[in-house]
N, C-alpha and C. Protein backbone atom coordinates (compact mmCIF):
# COMPACT_ATOMS: atom_id res chain seq x y z
N LYS A 1 113.51 93.40 93.27
CA LYS A 1 112.37 92.58 93.19
C LYS A 1 112.52 91.97 91.65
N LEU A 2 112.09 90.72 91.66
CA LEU A 2 111.85 90.57 90.13
C LEU A 2 110.89 90.61 89.22
N TRP A 3 110.99 91.20 88.52
CA TRP A 3 109.55 92.02 87.11
C TRP A 3 109.52 90.70 86.39
N ASN A 4 108.48 90.61 85.57
CA ASN A 4 108.04 89.60 84.72
C ASN A 4 108.29 90.49 82.86
N TYR A 5 108.69 89.56 82.32
CA TYR A 5 108.76 90.30 81.00
C TYR A 5 108.07 89.53 79.93
N GLU A 6 108.14 90.05 79.13
CA GLU A 6 107.29 89.66 77.49
C GLU A 6 108.09 90.42 76.23
N LEU A 7 108.65 89.53 75.59
CA LEU A 7 108.85 89.91 74.38
C LEU A 7 108.30 90.30 73.27
N LEU A 8 108.27 91.63 72.66
CA LEU A 8 107.28 92.14 72.04
C LEU A 8 106.92 91.06 70.76
N ASP A 9 105.65 91.15 70.02
CA ASP A 9 105.46 90.15 68.67
C ASP A 9 106.22 90.54 67.95
N GLU A 10 106.63 91.94 67.54
CA GLU A 10 107.53 91.96 66.53
C GLU A 10 109.10 91.86 66.54
N GLY A 11 109.35 91.67 67.41
CA GLY A 11 110.80 91.12 67.90
C GLY A 11 111.81 92.38 67.85
N ASN A 12 111.20 93.54 68.29
CA ASN A 12 112.07 94.65 68.36
C ASN A 12 112.10 95.14 69.87
N GLY A 13 111.71 94.75 70.85
CA GLY A 13 111.56 95.19 71.90
C GLY A 13 111.42 93.98 73.31
N VAL A 14 111.01 94.50 74.38
CA VAL A 14 110.39 93.68 75.49
C VAL A 14 109.87 94.60 76.95
N CYS A 15 108.89 93.75 77.40
CA CYS A 15 108.03 94.50 77.76
C CYS A 15 108.18 93.98 79.45
N PHE A 16 108.38 94.46 80.38
CA PHE A 16 108.55 94.12 82.00
C PHE A 16 107.66 94.65 82.71
N THR A 17 106.94 94.03 83.52
CA THR A 17 105.73 94.43 83.97
C THR A 17 106.19 94.04 85.97
N CYS A 18 105.21 94.66 86.58
CA CYS A 18 105.80 94.21 88.09
C CYS A 18 104.37 95.12 88.68
N ILE A 19 103.97 94.23 89.86
CA ILE A 19 103.00 94.85 90.89
C ILE A 19 103.43 94.97 92.23
N SER A 20 103.55 96.42 92.57
CA SER A 20 104.15 96.76 94.06
C SER A 20 102.40 96.83 94.81
N HIS A 21 102.56 95.58 95.95
CA HIS A 21 101.31 95.58 96.73
C HIS A 21 101.02 96.81 97.43
N ASP A 22 99.69 97.00 97.76
CA ASP A 22 99.20 97.85 98.81
C ASP A 22 100.31 97.69 100.32
N GLY A 23 100.21 98.96 100.55
CA GLY A 23 101.55 99.07 101.70
C GLY A 23 102.89 98.38 101.60
N GLU A 24 103.09 98.08 100.24
CA GLU A 24 104.73 97.91 100.45
C GLU A 24 105.50 98.80 100.33
N GLY A 25 106.47 98.57 100.80
CA GLY A 25 107.58 100.07 101.36
C GLY A 25 106.76 100.91 102.30
N GLY A 26 105.85 100.41 102.71
CA GLY A 26 105.22 101.50 103.40
C GLY A 26 104.34 102.65 102.90
N TYR A 27 104.09 102.53 101.08
CA TYR A 27 102.80 103.30 100.27
C TYR A 27 102.06 102.67 100.36
N PRO A 28 100.79 103.62 100.39
CA PRO A 28 99.33 102.90 100.20
C PRO A 28 99.01 102.44 98.90
N GLY A 29 98.47 101.80 98.37
CA GLY A 29 98.07 101.52 96.79
C GLY A 29 98.92 100.55 96.35
N GLN A 30 97.71 99.63 95.26
CA GLN A 30 98.66 98.74 94.78
C GLN A 30 98.89 99.38 93.58
N VAL A 31 99.95 99.11 92.90
CA VAL A 31 100.59 99.85 91.72
C VAL A 31 101.19 98.95 90.91
N HIS A 32 100.63 98.85 89.70
CA HIS A 32 101.02 98.18 88.17
C HIS A 32 101.84 98.93 87.54
N LEU A 33 103.48 98.61 87.09
CA LEU A 33 104.08 99.33 86.71
C LEU A 33 104.54 98.42 85.27
N GLU A 34 104.54 99.00 84.48
CA GLU A 34 105.10 99.01 82.82
C GLU A 34 105.84 99.47 82.28
N VAL A 35 107.16 98.75 81.80
CA VAL A 35 108.56 99.83 81.16
C VAL A 35 108.76 98.99 80.14
N THR A 36 108.27 99.51 78.91
CA THR A 36 108.88 98.81 77.65
C THR A 36 109.83 99.34 76.52
N TYR A 37 111.05 98.63 76.12
CA TYR A 37 112.05 98.99 75.46
C TYR A 37 111.67 98.90 74.14
N ILE A 38 111.82 99.41 73.19
CA ILE A 38 112.10 99.03 72.14
C ILE A 38 113.30 99.80 70.92
N LEU A 39 113.71 98.66 70.39
CA LEU A 39 115.02 99.21 69.43
C LEU A 39 114.12 99.45 67.52
N THR A 40 114.43 100.77 67.41
CA THR A 40 114.06 100.88 66.33
C THR A 40 114.75 100.73 65.23
N ASN A 41 114.36 100.53 63.64
CA ASN A 41 115.26 100.22 62.44
C ASN A 41 116.37 101.59 62.30
N GLU A 42 115.86 102.76 63.40
CA GLU A 42 117.11 103.50 62.99
C GLU A 42 118.07 104.10 64.38
N ASN A 43 118.03 102.54 64.44
CA ASN A 43 118.86 102.34 66.12
C ASN A 43 118.41 103.09 67.37
N GLU A 44 117.38 103.53 67.50
CA GLU A 44 116.96 104.68 68.51
C GLU A 44 116.66 103.99 69.69
N ILE A 45 116.53 103.99 70.45
CA ILE A 45 115.55 103.23 71.80
C ILE A 45 114.75 104.15 72.61
N ILE A 46 113.89 103.51 72.48
CA ILE A 46 112.12 104.02 72.76
C ILE A 46 112.03 103.13 74.03
N ILE A 47 111.59 104.10 75.27
CA ILE A 47 111.59 103.45 76.11
C ILE A 47 110.45 104.26 76.90
N ASP A 48 109.06 103.60 77.30
CA ASP A 48 107.82 103.62 77.42
C ASP A 48 107.49 103.10 79.11
N TYR A 49 107.25 103.91 79.58
CA TYR A 49 106.82 103.85 81.22
C TYR A 49 105.15 104.16 81.28
N ARG A 50 104.68 102.99 81.82
CA ARG A 50 103.36 103.31 82.24
C ARG A 50 103.09 103.02 83.51
N ALA A 51 101.78 103.26 84.41
CA ALA A 51 101.99 103.22 86.13
C ALA A 51 100.24 103.55 86.17
N SER A 52 99.45 102.56 86.89
CA SER A 52 98.47 102.89 87.50
C SER A 52 98.20 102.23 88.90
N THR A 53 97.32 102.90 89.31
CA THR A 53 97.43 102.43 90.96
C THR A 53 95.56 103.05 91.57
N ASN A 54 95.66 102.38 92.70
CA ASN A 54 93.92 102.34 93.14
C ASN A 54 93.77 103.22 94.06
N LYS A 55 94.93 103.65 94.93
CA LYS A 55 94.68 104.50 95.88
C LYS A 55 95.90 105.96 95.59
N SER A 56 95.48 107.23 95.78
CA SER A 56 96.67 108.26 95.80
C SER A 56 97.78 107.57 96.28
N THR A 57 98.73 108.12 95.59
CA THR A 57 99.88 107.18 96.31
C THR A 57 100.99 108.19 95.93
N ILE A 58 102.45 108.10 96.29
CA ILE A 58 103.87 108.87 95.54
C ILE A 58 104.53 107.76 94.57
N LEU A 59 104.75 108.05 93.23
CA LEU A 59 105.33 107.35 92.00
C LEU A 59 106.24 107.88 91.76
N ASN A 60 107.81 107.75 91.96
CA ASN A 60 108.98 108.21 91.08
C ASN A 60 109.44 107.23 90.33
N ILE A 61 108.93 107.31 88.78
CA ILE A 61 109.76 106.09 88.25
C ILE A 61 110.97 106.84 87.21
N ALA A 62 112.15 106.30 87.10
CA ALA A 62 113.37 107.00 86.90
C ALA A 62 114.10 105.47 85.93
N ASN A 63 114.75 106.01 84.89
CA ASN A 63 115.72 105.29 83.97
C ASN A 63 116.90 104.92 84.72
N ASN A 64 117.50 104.13 84.85
CA ASN A 64 118.77 103.73 85.71
C ASN A 64 119.47 102.64 84.73
N ALA A 65 119.15 102.60 83.77
CA ALA A 65 120.02 101.59 82.97
C ALA A 65 121.17 102.20 81.87
N TYR A 66 122.29 101.94 82.11
CA TYR A 66 124.08 102.33 81.71
C TYR A 66 124.38 101.72 80.55
N PHE A 67 124.40 102.24 79.30
CA PHE A 67 124.98 101.50 78.19
C PHE A 67 126.29 101.68 78.01
N ASN A 68 127.02 100.99 77.06
CA ASN A 68 128.34 101.38 76.68
C ASN A 68 128.68 101.10 74.97
N LEU A 69 128.46 102.25 74.88
CA LEU A 69 128.96 102.86 73.43
C LEU A 69 129.84 103.10 72.93
N ASN A 70 130.93 102.18 73.42
CA ASN A 70 132.14 102.20 73.14
C ASN A 70 132.64 101.19 72.27
N GLY A 71 131.98 100.05 72.25
CA GLY A 71 131.89 98.51 71.76
C GLY A 71 133.17 98.04 72.69
N GLU A 72 133.54 98.54 73.37
CA GLU A 72 134.55 97.44 74.48
C GLU A 72 133.43 96.82 75.60
């Protein structure tokens, strides 16, 4: 599934959004997902997850990003 994205006004991050429609994947409720990545001046990465739904449903948000810190 492709996510929409928007660069943050401060220029230090990006916000991704996605909507999972009611019944998608067999799960009830429309879910609005938002993940924001921010790079701080201290070279930290802040990851903020947000989700809202209009019905009780199962939701498991996980980070599956991998970073090469070796510089290669």
